Amino acid sequence: MKILKAYKIRIYPNQNQKQYFEKCFGAARFVYNTVLAYKIDSYKHGISYSAYDAIKDFTQIKKLDGYEWLKEINSQILQQSILDLDFAIYSVFIFSAILL
């Protein structure tokens, strides 16, 4: 019989840490939704747009006026949200292919 263990870990962030977490979550959500909208638009026009293209584009977007706030967040967080979106889209295509 296999026994599984689980650990519950809680954190108690201070006010500065809470603000940083909120910035990270907001930036990840912004990047995810922006890339999703661009992928949908690209798909409608028959253009391929990979996750790595999006990552390259966001390094340039961070330099534009109005998007400087993205520099406050670790780039790995933004990159991971793009990779998560790519995995989600890929999973939908695989799952729908299995059902057909």
Protein backbone atom coordinates (compact mmCIF):
# COMPACT_ATOMS: atom_id res chain seq x y z
CA MET A 1 0.00 0.00 0.00
CA LYS A 2 1.41 3.35 -1.06
CA ILE A 3 1.19 6.20 1.42
CA LEU A 4 0.98 9.73 0.09
CA LYS A 5 2.09 12.71 2.15
CA ALA A 6 1.00 16.29 1.79
CA TYR A 7 2.45 19.40 3.31
CA LYS A 8 0.52 22.58 3.84
CA ILE A 9 2.68 25.68 3.84
CA ARG A 10 1.38 29.12 4.70
CA ILE A 11 3.06 32.42 4.20
CA TYR A 12 2.34 35.65 5.97
CA PRO A 13 3.64 38.42 3.71
CA ASN A 14 4.08 41.94 4.94
CA GLN A 15 2.49 44.89 3.14
CA ASN A 16 5.38 45.40 0.68
CA GLN A 17 5.38 41.72 -0.24
CA LYS A 18 1.61 41.77 -0.76
CA GLN A 19 1.96 44.71 -3.15
CA TYR A 20 4.72 42.92 -5.06
CA PHE A 21 2.61 39.75 -5.35
CA GLU A 22 -0.32 41.80 -6.65
CA LYS A 23 1.95 43.41 -9.26
CA CYS A 24 3.23 40.00 -10.32
CA PHE A 25 -0.26 38.52 -10.62
CA GLY A 26 -1.52 41.54 -12.50
CA ALA A 27 1.41 41.56 -14.92
CA ALA A 28 1.08 37.82 -15.56
CA ARG A 29 -2.64 38.24 -16.23
CA PHE A 30 -1.97 41.20 -18.57
CA VAL A 31 0.66 39.29 -20.55
CA TYR A 32 -1.49 36.14 -20.76
CA ASN A 33 -4.56 38.03 -22.02
CA THR A 34 -2.57 40.20 -24.43
CA VAL A 35 -0.80 37.25 -26.01
CA LEU A 36 -4.06 35.29 -26.15
CA ALA A 37 -5.76 38.12 -28.05
CA TYR A 38 -2.80 38.36 -30.43
CA LYS A 39 -2.77 34.58 -30.98
CA ILE A 40 -6.49 34.58 -31.78
CA ASP A 41 -6.01 37.45 -34.24
CA SER A 42 -3.00 35.73 -35.82
CA TYR A 43 -4.91 32.48 -36.16
CA LYS A 44 -7.76 34.27 -37.96
CA HIS A 45 -5.27 35.68 -40.46
CA GLY A 46 -3.45 32.36 -40.91
CA ILE A 47 -0.23 33.51 -39.26
CA SER A 48 1.75 31.28 -36.92
CA TYR A 49 2.74 32.97 -33.64
CA SER A 50 4.70 30.84 -31.21
CA ALA A 51 5.36 31.35 -27.52
CA TYR A 52 8.98 32.17 -28.23
CA ASP A 53 7.94 34.89 -30.67
CA ALA A 54 5.74 36.35 -27.93
CA ILE A 55 8.59 36.23 -25.41
CA LYS A 56 10.86 38.06 -27.86
CA ASP A 57 8.15 40.64 -28.52
CA PHE A 58 7.58 41.32 -24.83
CA THR A 59 11.24 42.15 -24.30
CA GLN A 60 10.69 44.96 -26.81
CA ILE A 61 7.27 45.92 -25.44
CA LYS A 62 8.79 46.55 -22.00
CA LYS A 63 10.88 49.32 -23.59
CA LEU A 64 7.86 51.21 -24.97
CA ASP A 65 6.26 54.22 -23.30
CA GLY A 66 3.45 53.20 -20.98
CA TYR A 67 4.76 49.68 -20.40
CA GLU A 68 7.68 50.49 -18.10
CA TRP A 69 5.78 48.93 -15.20
CA LEU A 70 6.51 45.50 -16.70
CA LYS A 71 10.20 46.04 -15.88
CA GLU A 72 9.38 45.91 -12.16
CA ILE A 73 8.43 42.23 -12.48
CA ASN A 74 10.87 39.36 -12.97
CA SER A 75 11.03 38.41 -16.63
CA GLN A 76 10.61 34.72 -15.73
CA ILE A 77 7.10 35.43 -14.44
CA LEU A 78 6.10 37.02 -17.74
CA GLN A 79 7.76 34.28 -19.76
CA GLN A 80 6.06 31.56 -17.74
CA SER A 81 2.62 33.07 -18.27
CA ILE A 82 3.27 32.96 -22.04
CA LEU A 83 4.43 29.34 -21.82
CA ASP A 84 1.37 28.47 -19.71
CA LEU A 85 -0.88 29.95 -22.39
CA ASP A 86 0.92 28.00 -25.10
CA PHE A 87 0.54 24.78 -23.12
CA ALA A 88 -3.17 25.48 -22.56
CA ILE A 89 -3.79 26.04 -26.27
CA TYR A 90 -1.78 22.96 -27.19
CA SER A 91 -3.73 20.88 -24.65
CA VAL A 92 -7.06 22.02 -26.09
CA PHE A 93 -5.99 21.02 -29.59
CA ILE A 94 -4.77 17.61 -28.41
CA PHE A 95 -7.89 16.99 -26.33
CA SER A 96 -10.21 18.01 -29.15
CA ALA A 97 -8.30 15.76 -31.58
CA ILE A 98 -8.77 12.82 -29.22
CA LEU A 99 -12.51 13.45 -29.01
CA LEU A 100 -12.90 13.54 -32.78
